[in-house]
Structures are given as structure tokens and as C-alpha cells.
Amino acid sequence: MDERSPSGTSPPSPDDLPFEAALARLEGIVATLEQGDLALEAALAAFEQGVRLSRRCAAQLDQAERRIEALVREGDGLAVRPFAGPEEGGS
């Protein structure tokens, strides 16, 4: 399976993608796999790429969290506060 773009160049590796591009590519892979139309080898290759992208995104999120924690200071020490994201399973 040749993953070259129409210009003849290879797509960037997951390590070279910005977070948003890696996440978008991962979402595309998930959608493709969910359709169930790929041959076994193609599905395995897509899954492997998805795992690499998932790990890359997780590492980028961890790095961002560390940077945020370093910026949130109270007094002489670091005050770690949990992220207040959207509530899960809203009522």
C-alpha cells in the first residue's frame, strides 16, 4: 500500500504532525476501521498507525499538562488543580 500524496511525496510521520492534525488523522482511521470494509492486512496496518497516533497525541497532551502545571503557581509552590472539563454523563 503506497501512502504517497498526489504530489508524489510521503505523508508526514505521526511524530511530525501537530496535535490537531494527528487527532484528525486518528479520527479518520477509526471511522475507516468502524466501516469494516478493509482487508485484514490493511486493517492491521491502519490499526498500527492509529496506535502510533494515539500514543503521540497522549504524549502531546501530557506535555501540555506539565507546561500548564508549571505555569500555575501559588505563593512559593506549585498548585496543581484538576482540569475542569465538561461534565460527563450530564443530567
PDB file of N, CA and C in Angstrom:
ATOM      1  N   MET A   1       0.842  -1.170   0.000  1.00  0.00           N
ATOM      2  CA  MET A   1       0.000   0.000   0.000  1.00  0.00           C
ATOM      3  C   MET A   1       0.889   1.236   0.000  1.00  0.00           C
ATOM      4  N   ASP A   2       0.858   2.038  -1.032  1.00  0.00           N
ATOM      5  CA  ASP A   2       1.667   3.243  -1.155  1.00  0.00           C
ATOM      6  C   ASP A   2       0.871   4.420  -0.616  1.00  0.00           C
ATOM      7  N   GLU A   3       1.421   5.089   0.414  1.00  0.00           N
ATOM      8  CA  GLU A   3       0.722   6.200   1.046  1.00  0.00           C
ATOM      9  C   GLU A   3       1.214   7.543   0.543  1.00  0.00           C
ATOM     10  N   ARG A   4       1.702   7.601  -0.668  1.00  0.00           N
ATOM     11  CA  ARG A   4       2.191   8.867  -1.208  1.00  0.00           C
ATOM     12  C   ARG A   4       1.023   9.769  -1.570  1.00  0.00           C
ATOM     13  N   SER A   5       1.251  11.045  -1.397  1.00  0.00           N
ATOM     14  CA  SER A   5       0.238  12.022  -1.769  1.00  0.00           C
ATOM     15  C   SER A   5       0.261  12.193  -3.282  1.00  0.00           C
ATOM     16  N   PRO A   6      -0.744  12.877  -3.838  1.00  0.00           N
ATOM     17  CA  PRO A   6      -0.763  13.092  -5.289  1.00  0.00           C
ATOM     18  C   PRO A   6       0.496  13.789  -5.809  1.00  0.00           C
ATOM     19  N   SER A   7       1.187  14.544  -4.972  1.00  0.00           N
ATOM     20  CA  SER A   7       2.397  15.237  -5.415  1.00  0.00           C
ATOM     21  C   SER A   7       3.598  14.301  -5.463  1.00  0.00           C
ATOM     22  N   GLY A   8       3.412  13.041  -4.982  1.00  0.00           N
ATOM     23  CA  GLY A   8       4.491  12.069  -5.043  1.00  0.00           C
ATOM     24  C   GLY A   8       5.334  12.012  -3.790  1.00  0.00           C
ATOM     25  N   THR A   9       4.993  12.793  -2.776  1.00  0.00           N
ATOM     26  CA  THR A   9       5.759  12.771  -1.538  1.00  0.00           C
ATOM     27  C   THR A   9       5.011  11.942  -0.504  1.00  0.00           C
ATOM     28  N   SER A  10       5.744  11.396   0.443  1.00  0.00           N
ATOM     29  CA  SER A  10       5.128  10.620   1.513  1.00  0.00           C
ATOM     30  C   SER A  10       4.484  11.564   2.512  1.00  0.00           C
ATOM     31  N   PRO A  11       3.380  11.121   3.159  1.00  0.00           N
ATOM     32  CA  PRO A  11       2.772  11.975   4.181  1.00  0.00           C
ATOM     33  C   PRO A  11       3.700  12.070   5.379  1.00  0.00           C
ATOM     34  N   PRO A  12       3.564  13.124   6.183  1.00  0.00           N
ATOM     35  CA  PRO A  12       4.436  13.249   7.346  1.00  0.00           C
ATOM     36  C   PRO A  12       4.202  12.106   8.321  1.00  0.00           C
ATOM     37  N   SER A  13       5.252  11.733   9.046  1.00  0.00           N
ATOM     38  CA  SER A  13       5.115  10.675  10.040  1.00  0.00           C
ATOM     39  C   SER A  13       4.306  11.219  11.206  1.00  0.00           C
ATOM     40  N   PRO A  14       3.704  10.325  12.019  1.00  0.00           N
ATOM     41  CA  PRO A  14       2.927  10.804  13.164  1.00  0.00           C
ATOM     42  C   PRO A  14       3.727  11.705  14.098  1.00  0.00           C
ATOM     43  N   ASP A  15       5.032  11.479  14.198  1.00  0.00           N
ATOM     44  CA  ASP A  15       5.860  12.299  15.079  1.00  0.00           C
ATOM     45  C   ASP A  15       6.025  13.728  14.566  1.00  0.00           C
ATOM     46  N   ASP A  16       5.773  13.958  13.289  1.00  0.00           N
ATOM     47  CA  ASP A  16       5.952  15.282  12.702  1.00  0.00           C
ATOM     48  C   ASP A  16       4.654  16.088  12.650  1.00  0.00           C
ATOM     49  N   LEU A  17       3.536  15.454  12.996  1.00  0.00           N
ATOM     50  CA  LEU A  17       2.247  16.126  12.881  1.00  0.00           C
ATOM     51  C   LEU A  17       1.938  16.970  14.110  1.00  0.00           C
ATOM     52  N   PRO A  18       1.334  18.144  13.898  1.00  0.00           N
ATOM     53  CA  PRO A  18       0.820  18.887  15.047  1.00  0.00           C
ATOM     54  C   PRO A  18      -0.328  18.085  15.680  1.00  0.00           C
ATOM     55  N   PHE A  19      -0.633  18.376  16.920  1.00  0.00           N
ATOM     56  CA  PHE A  19      -1.652  17.622  17.653  1.00  0.00           C
ATOM     57  C   PHE A  19      -2.971  17.535  16.880  1.00  0.00           C
ATOM     58  N   GLU A  20      -3.456  18.663  16.393  1.00  0.00           N
ATOM     59  CA  GLU A  20      -4.753  18.700  15.726  1.00  0.00           C
ATOM     60  C   GLU A  20      -4.771  17.817  14.473  1.00  0.00           C
ATOM     61  N   ALA A  21      -3.684  17.839  13.712  1.00  0.00           N
ATOM     62  CA  ALA A  21      -3.603  17.015  12.501  1.00  0.00           C
ATOM     63  C   ALA A  21      -3.526  15.537  12.861  1.00  0.00           C
ATOM     64  N   ALA A  22      -2.771  15.213  13.908  1.00  0.00           N
ATOM     65  CA  ALA A  22      -2.660  13.816  14.340  1.00  0.00           C
ATOM     66  C   ALA A  22      -4.013  13.311  14.823  1.00  0.00           C
ATOM     67  N   LEU A  23      -4.731  14.131  15.574  1.00  0.00           N
ATOM     68  CA  LEU A  23      -6.046  13.734  16.069  1.00  0.00           C
ATOM     69  C   LEU A  23      -7.034  13.552  14.922  1.00  0.00           C
ATOM     70  N   ALA A  24      -6.998  14.456  13.944  1.00  0.00           N
ATOM     71  CA  ALA A  24      -7.891  14.337  12.789  1.00  0.00           C
ATOM     72  C   ALA A  24      -7.589  13.057  12.006  1.00  0.00           C
ATOM     73  N   ARG A  25      -6.313  12.745  11.833  1.00  0.00           N
ATOM     74  CA  ARG A  25      -5.941  11.523  11.124  1.00  0.00           C
ATOM     75  C   ARG A  25      -6.398  10.298  11.917  1.00  0.00           C
ATOM     76  N   LEU A  26      -6.232  10.338  13.224  1.00  0.00           N
ATOM     77  CA  LEU A  26      -6.672   9.230  14.079  1.00  0.00           C
ATOM     78  C   LEU A  26      -8.180   9.037  13.964  1.00  0.00           C
ATOM     79  N   GLU A  27      -8.932  10.119  13.986  1.00  0.00           N
ATOM     80  CA  GLU A  27     -10.386  10.017  13.838  1.00  0.00           C
ATOM     81  C   GLU A  27     -10.768   9.408  12.496  1.00  0.00           C
ATOM     82  N   GLY A  28     -10.031   9.754  11.446  1.00  0.00           N
ATOM     83  CA  GLY A  28     -10.286   9.179  10.134  1.00  0.00           C
ATOM     84  C   GLY A  28     -10.015   7.682  10.107  1.00  0.00           C
ATOM     85  N   ILE A  29      -8.945   7.273  10.767  1.00  0.00           N
ATOM     86  CA  ILE A  29      -8.607   5.845  10.837  1.00  0.00           C
ATOM     87  C   ILE A  29      -9.694   5.086  11.585  1.00  0.00           C
ATOM     88  N   VAL A  30     -10.151   5.647  12.701  1.00  0.00           N
ATOM     89  CA  VAL A  30     -11.204   4.995  13.481  1.00  0.00           C
ATOM     90  C   VAL A  30     -12.461   4.836  12.630  1.00  0.00           C
ATOM     91  N   ALA A  31     -12.837   5.889  11.916  1.00  0.00           N
ATOM     92  CA  ALA A  31     -14.032   5.821  11.068  1.00  0.00           C
ATOM     93  C   ALA A  31     -13.884   4.741   9.997  1.00  0.00           C
ATOM     94  N   THR A  32     -12.704   4.660   9.396  1.00  0.00           N
ATOM     95  CA  THR A  32     -12.451   3.652   8.365  1.00  0.00           C
ATOM     96  C   THR A  32     -12.536   2.250   8.948  1.00  0.00           C
ATOM     97  N   LEU A  33     -11.926   2.054  10.102  1.00  0.00           N
ATOM     98  CA  LEU A  33     -11.961   0.737  10.736  1.00  0.00           C
ATOM     99  C   LEU A  33     -13.374   0.353  11.154  1.00  0.00           C
ATOM    100  N   GLU A  34     -14.148   1.321  11.610  1.00  0.00           N
ATOM    101  CA  GLU A  34     -15.520   1.043  12.025  1.00  0.00           C
ATOM    102  C   GLU A  34     -16.396   0.597  10.863  1.00  0.00           C
ATOM    103  N   GLN A  35     -16.074   1.017   9.650  1.00  0.00           N
ATOM    104  CA  GLN A  35     -16.844   0.603   8.483  1.00  0.00           C
ATOM    105  C   GLN A  35     -16.685  -0.889   8.218  1.00  0.00           C
ATOM    106  N   GLY A  36     -15.538  -1.438   8.578  1.00  0.00           N
ATOM    107  CA  GLY A  36     -15.310  -2.871   8.436  1.00  0.00           C
ATOM    108  C   GLY A  36     -15.084  -3.340   7.017  1.00  0.00           C
ATOM    109  N   ASP A  37     -14.724  -2.453   6.108  1.00  0.00           N
ATOM    110  CA  ASP A  37     -14.557  -2.814   4.705  1.00  0.00           C
ATOM    111  C   ASP A  37     -13.121  -3.143   4.312  1.00  0.00           C
ATOM    112  N   LEU A  38     -12.163  -2.971   5.218  1.00  0.00           N
ATOM    113  CA  LEU A  38     -10.762  -3.196   4.876  1.00  0.00           C
ATOM    114  C   LEU A  38     -10.407  -4.676   4.936  1.00  0.00           C
ATOM    115  N   ALA A  39      -9.496  -5.070   4.080  1.00  0.00           N
ATOM    116  CA  ALA A  39      -8.933  -6.415   4.168  1.00  0.00           C
ATOM    117  C   ALA A  39      -8.125  -6.502   5.455  1.00  0.00           C
ATOM    118  N   LEU A  40      -7.880  -7.712   5.917  1.00  0.00           N
ATOM    119  CA  LEU A  40      -7.213  -7.918   7.195  1.00  0.00           C
ATOM    120  C   LEU A  40      -5.887  -7.170   7.293  1.00  0.00           C
ATOM    121  N   GLU A  41      -5.020  -7.330   6.301  1.00  0.00           N
ATOM    122  CA  GLU A  41      -3.706  -6.671   6.353  1.00  0.00           C
ATOM    123  C   GLU A  41      -3.831  -5.149   6.361  1.00  0.00           C
ATOM    124  N   ALA A  42      -4.747  -4.608   5.576  1.00  0.00           N
ATOM    125  CA  ALA A  42      -4.953  -3.160   5.548  1.00  0.00           C
ATOM    126  C   ALA A  42      -5.521  -2.680   6.882  1.00  0.00           C
ATOM    127  N   ALA A  43      -6.427  -3.467   7.473  1.00  0.00           N
ATOM    128  CA  ALA A  43      -6.987  -3.105   8.769  1.00  0.00           C
ATOM    129  C   ALA A  43      -5.907  -3.120   9.847  1.00  0.00           C
ATOM    130  N   LEU A  44      -5.030  -4.129   9.814  1.00  0.00           N
ATOM    131  CA  LEU A  44      -3.937  -4.190  10.783  1.00  0.00           C
ATOM    132  C   LEU A  44      -2.987  -3.006  10.630  1.00  0.00           C
ATOM    133  N   ALA A  45      -2.668  -2.650   9.394  1.00  0.00           N
ATOM    134  CA  ALA A  45      -1.778  -1.509   9.148  1.00  0.00           C
ATOM    135  C   ALA A  45      -2.428  -0.218   9.647  1.00  0.00           C
ATOM    136  N   ALA A  46      -3.728  -0.069   9.394  1.00  0.00           N
ATOM    137  CA  ALA A  46      -4.437   1.119   9.858  1.00  0.00           C
ATOM    138  C   ALA A  46      -4.474   1.154  11.384  1.00  0.00           C
ATOM    139  N   PHE A  47      -4.714   0.000  11.995  1.00  0.00           N
ATOM    140  CA  PHE A  47      -4.740  -0.076  13.457  1.00  0.00           C
ATOM    141  C   PHE A  47      -3.387   0.305  14.040  1.00  0.00           C
ATOM    142  N   GLU A  48      -2.305  -0.213  13.447  1.00  0.00           N
ATOM    143  CA  GLU A  48      -0.954   0.119  13.931  1.00  0.00           C
ATOM    144  C   GLU A  48      -0.694   1.615  13.831  1.00  0.00           C
ATOM    145  N   GLN A  49      -1.101   2.213  12.714  1.00  0.00           N
ATOM    146  CA  GLN A  49      -0.919   3.653  12.564  1.00  0.00           C
ATOM    147  C   GLN A  49      -1.760   4.398  13.600  1.00  0.00           C
ATOM    148  N   GLY A  50      -2.960   3.915  13.857  1.00  0.00           N
ATOM    149  CA  GLY A  50      -3.819   4.526  14.858  1.00  0.00           C
ATOM    150  C   GLY A  50      -3.206   4.476  16.248  1.00  0.00           C
ATOM    151  N   VAL A  51      -2.593   3.348  16.580  1.00  0.00           N
ATOM    152  CA  VAL A  51      -1.939   3.220  17.888  1.00  0.00           C
ATOM    153  C   VAL A  51      -0.796   4.228  17.994  1.00  0.00           C
ATOM    154  N   ARG A  52       0.007   4.357  16.928  1.00  0.00           N
ATOM    155  CA  ARG A  52       1.107   5.330  16.950  1.00  0.00           C
ATOM    156  C   ARG A  52       0.567   6.751  17.128  1.00  0.00           C
ATOM    157  N   LEU A  53      -0.497   7.076  16.402  1.00  0.00           N
ATOM    158  CA  LEU A  53      -1.085   8.411  16.516  1.00  0.00           C
ATOM    159  C   LEU A  53      -1.665   8.639  17.904  1.00  0.00           C
ATOM    160  N   SER A  54      -2.318   7.637  18.446  1.00  0.00           N
ATOM    161  CA  SER A  54      -2.895   7.743  19.785  1.00  0.00           C
ATOM    162  C   SER A  54      -1.813   7.998  20.820  1.00  0.00           C
ATOM    163  N   ARG A  55      -0.716   7.272  20.719  1.00  0.00           N
ATOM    164  CA  ARG A  55       0.393   7.469  21.654  1.00  0.00           C
ATOM    165  C   ARG A  55       0.989   8.856  21.501  1.00  0.00           C
ATOM    166  N   ARG A  56       1.113   9.320  20.271  1.00  0.00           N
ATOM    167  CA  ARG A  56       1.653  10.658  20.014  1.00  0.00           C
ATOM    168  C   ARG A  56       0.752  11.727  20.622  1.00  0.00           C
ATOM    169  N   CYS A  57      -0.554  11.593  20.420  1.00  0.00           N
ATOM    170  CA  CYS A  57      -1.494  12.567  20.972  1.00  0.00           C
ATOM    171  C   CYS A  57      -1.448  12.547  22.502  1.00  0.00           C
ATOM    172  N   ALA A  58      -1.399  11.358  23.096  1.00  0.00           N
ATOM    173  CA  ALA A  58      -1.327  11.253  24.553  1.00  0.00           C
ATOM    174  C   ALA A  58      -0.059  11.917  25.086  1.00  0.00           C
ATOM    175  N   ALA A  59       1.061  11.717  24.399  1.00  0.00           N
ATOM    176  CA  ALA A  59       2.321  12.322  24.829  1.00  0.00           C
ATOM    177  C   ALA A  59       2.241  13.844  24.722  1.00  0.00           C
ATOM    178  N   GLN A  60       1.628  14.340  23.657  1.00  0.00           N
ATOM    179  CA  GLN A  60       1.499  15.786  23.495  1.00  0.00           C
ATOM    180  C   GLN A  60       0.590  16.370  24.576  1.00  0.00           C
ATOM    181  N   LEU A  61      -0.480  15.668  24.921  1.00  0.00           N
ATOM    182  CA  LEU A  61      -1.365  16.140  25.987  1.00  0.00           C
ATOM    183  C   LEU A  61      -0.658  16.128  27.338  1.00  0.00           C
ATOM    184  N   ASP A  62       0.122  15.087  27.605  1.00  0.00           N
ATOM    185  CA  ASP A  62       0.888  15.027  28.850  1.00  0.00           C
ATOM    186  C   ASP A  62       1.868  16.187  28.940  1.00  0.00           C
ATOM    187  N   GLN A  63       2.539  16.480  27.832  1.00  0.00           N
ATOM    188  CA  GLN A  63       3.492  17.587  27.813  1.00  0.00           C
ATOM    189  C   GLN A  63       2.774  18.912  28.062  1.00  0.00           C
ATOM    190  N   ALA A  64       1.620  19.106  27.456  1.00  0.00           N
ATOM    191  CA  ALA A  64       0.858  20.338  27.667  1.00  0.00           C
ATOM    192  C   ALA A  64       0.422  20.454  29.124  1.00  0.00           C
ATOM    193  N   GLU A  65      -0.002  19.326  29.705  1.00  0.00           N
ATOM    194  CA  GLU A  65      -0.402  19.345  31.115  1.00  0.00           C
ATOM    195  C   GLU A  65       0.757  19.742  32.014  1.00  0.00           C
ATOM    196  N   ARG A  66       1.945  19.220  31.743  1.00  0.00           N
ATOM    197  CA  ARG A  66       3.124  19.584  32.544  1.00  0.00           C
ATOM    198  C   ARG A  66       3.434  21.073  32.401  1.00  0.00           C
ATOM    199  N   ARG A  67       3.301  21.601  31.194  1.00  0.00           N
ATOM    200  CA  ARG A  67       3.561  23.029  30.993  1.00  0.00           C
ATOM    201  C   ARG A  67       2.554  23.879  31.757  1.00  0.00           C
ATOM    202  N   ILE A  68       1.294  23.471  31.741  1.00  0.00           N
ATOM    203  CA  ILE A  68       0.252  24.222  32.460  1.00  0.00           C
ATOM    204  C   ILE A  68       0.516  24.174  33.956  1.00  0.00           C
ATOM    205  N   GLU A  69       0.853  22.987  34.473  1.00  0.00           N
ATOM    206  CA  GLU A  69       1.141  22.860  35.899  1.00  0.00           C
ATOM    207  C   GLU A  69       2.302  23.757  36.308  1.00  0.00           C
ATOM    208  N   ALA A  70       3.297  23.879  35.451  1.00  0.00           N
ATOM    209  CA  ALA A  70       4.449  24.721  35.755  1.00  0.00           C
ATOM    210  C   ALA A  70       4.078  26.199  35.771  1.00  0.00           C
ATOM    211  N   LEU A  71       3.040  26.569  35.049  1.00  0.00           N
ATOM    212  CA  LEU A  71       2.625  27.972  34.984  1.00  0.00           C
ATOM    213  C   LEU A  71       1.677  28.378  36.107  1.00  0.00           C
ATOM    214  N   VAL A  72       1.006  27.395  36.696  1.00  0.00           N
ATOM    215  CA  VAL A  72       0.042  27.694  37.753  1.00  0.00           C
ATOM    216  C   VAL A  72       0.768  27.651  39.086  1.00  0.00           C
ATOM    217  N   ARG A  73       1.077  28.813  39.603  1.00  0.00           N
ATOM    218  CA  ARG A  73       1.832  28.888  40.862  1.00  0.00           C
ATOM    219  C   ARG A  73       1.043  29.691  41.894  1.00  0.00           C
ATOM    220  N   GLU A  74       1.098  29.194  43.117  1.00  0.00           N
ATOM    221  CA  GLU A  74       0.505  29.925  44.237  1.00  0.00           C
ATOM    222  C   GLU A  74       1.580  30.081  45.301  1.00  0.00           C
ATOM    223  N   GLY A  75       1.869  31.289  45.675  1.00  0.00           N
ATOM    224  CA  GLY A  75       2.905  31.542  46.676  1.00  0.00           C
ATOM    225  C   GLY A  75       4.242  31.040  46.184  1.00  0.00           C
ATOM    226  N   ASP A  76       4.922  30.260  47.025  1.00  0.00           N
ATOM    227  CA  ASP A  76       6.245  29.741  46.688  1.00  0.00           C
ATOM    228  C   ASP A  76       6.188  28.382  46.003  1.00  0.00           C
ATOM    229  N   GLY A  77       5.020  27.749  45.960  1.00  0.00           N
ATOM    230  CA  GLY A  77       4.952  26.389  45.429  1.00  0.00           C
ATOM    231  C   GLY A  77       4.009  26.261  44.252  1.00  0.00           C
ATOM    232  N   LEU A  78       3.985  25.091  43.723  1.00  0.00           N
ATOM    233  CA  LEU A  78       3.140  24.772  42.576  1.00  0.00           C
ATOM    234  C   LEU A  78       1.791  24.296  43.079  1.00  0.00           C
ATOM    235  N   ALA A  79       0.738  24.851  42.547  1.00  0.00           N
ATOM    236  CA  ALA A  79      -0.609  24.429  42.910  1.00  0.00           C
ATOM    237  C   ALA A  79      -1.193  23.661  41.734  1.00  0.00           C
ATOM    238  N   VAL A  80      -1.308  22.364  41.894  1.00  0.00           N
ATOM    239  CA  VAL A  80      -1.871  21.538  40.827  1.00  0.00           C
ATOM    240  C   VAL A  80      -3.372  21.479  41.016  1.00  0.00           C
ATOM    241  N   ARG A  81      -4.080  21.896  39.991  1.00  0.00           N
ATOM    242  CA  ARG A  81      -5.541  21.878  40.034  1.00  0.00           C
ATOM    243  C   ARG A  81      -6.041  20.936  38.951  1.00  0.00           C
ATOM    244  N   PRO A  82      -7.064  20.140  39.259  1.00  0.00           N
ATOM    245  CA  PRO A  82      -7.608  19.267  38.225  1.00  0.00           C
ATOM    246  C   PRO A  82      -8.254  20.102  37.126  1.00  0.00           C
ATOM    247  N   PHE A  83      -8.182  19.590  35.919  1.00  0.00           N
ATOM    248  CA  PHE A  83      -8.797  20.253  34.784  1.00  0.00           C
ATOM    249  C   PHE A  83     -10.301  20.187  34.946  1.00  0.00           C
ATOM    250  N   ALA A  84     -10.963  21.306  34.800  1.00  0.00           N
ATOM    251  CA  ALA A  84     -12.423  21.347  34.929  1.00  0.00           C
ATOM    252  C   ALA A  84     -13.037  21.283  33.538  1.00  0.00           C
ATOM    253  N   GLY A  85     -13.076  20.098  32.974  1.00  0.00           N
ATOM    254  CA  GLY A  85     -13.631  19.903  31.642  1.00  0.00           C
ATOM    255  C   GLY A  85     -15.137  19.746  31.711  1.00  0.00           C
ATOM    256  N   PRO A  86     -15.756  19.493  30.563  1.00  0.00           N
ATOM    257  CA  PRO A  86     -17.204  19.287  30.528  1.00  0.00           C
ATOM    258  C   PRO A  86     -17.586  18.097  31.406  1.00  0.00           C
ATOM    259  N   GLU A  87     -18.700  18.232  32.072  1.00  0.00           N
ATOM    260  CA  GLU A  87     -19.150  17.147  32.930  1.00  0.00           C
ATOM    261  C   GLU A  87     -19.556  15.957  32.097  1.00  0.00           C
ATOM    262  N   GLU A  88     -19.174  14.766  32.567  1.00  0.00           N
ATOM    263  CA  GLU A  88     -19.510  13.539  31.860  1.00  0.00           C
ATOM    264  C   GLU A  88     -20.872  13.058  32.305  1.00  0.00           C
ATOM    265  N   GLY A  89     -21.645  12.535  31.358  1.00  0.00           N
ATOM    266  CA  GLY A  89     -22.946  11.961  31.667  1.00  0.00           C
ATOM    267  C   GLY A  89     -23.912  12.970  32.234  1.00  0.00           C
ATOM    268  N   GLY A  90     -23.881  14.190  31.724  1.00  0.00           N
ATOM    269  CA  GLY A  90     -24.698  15.277  32.238  1.00  0.00           C
ATOM    270  C   GLY A  90     -26.105  14.886  32.593  1.00  0.00           C
ATOM    271  N   SER A  91     -26.703  15.666  33.514  1.00  0.00           N
ATOM    272  CA  SER A  91     -28.057  15.349  33.938  1.00  0.00           C
ATOM    273  C   SER A  91     -29.054  16.344  33.434  1.00  0.00           C
TER     274      SER A  91
END
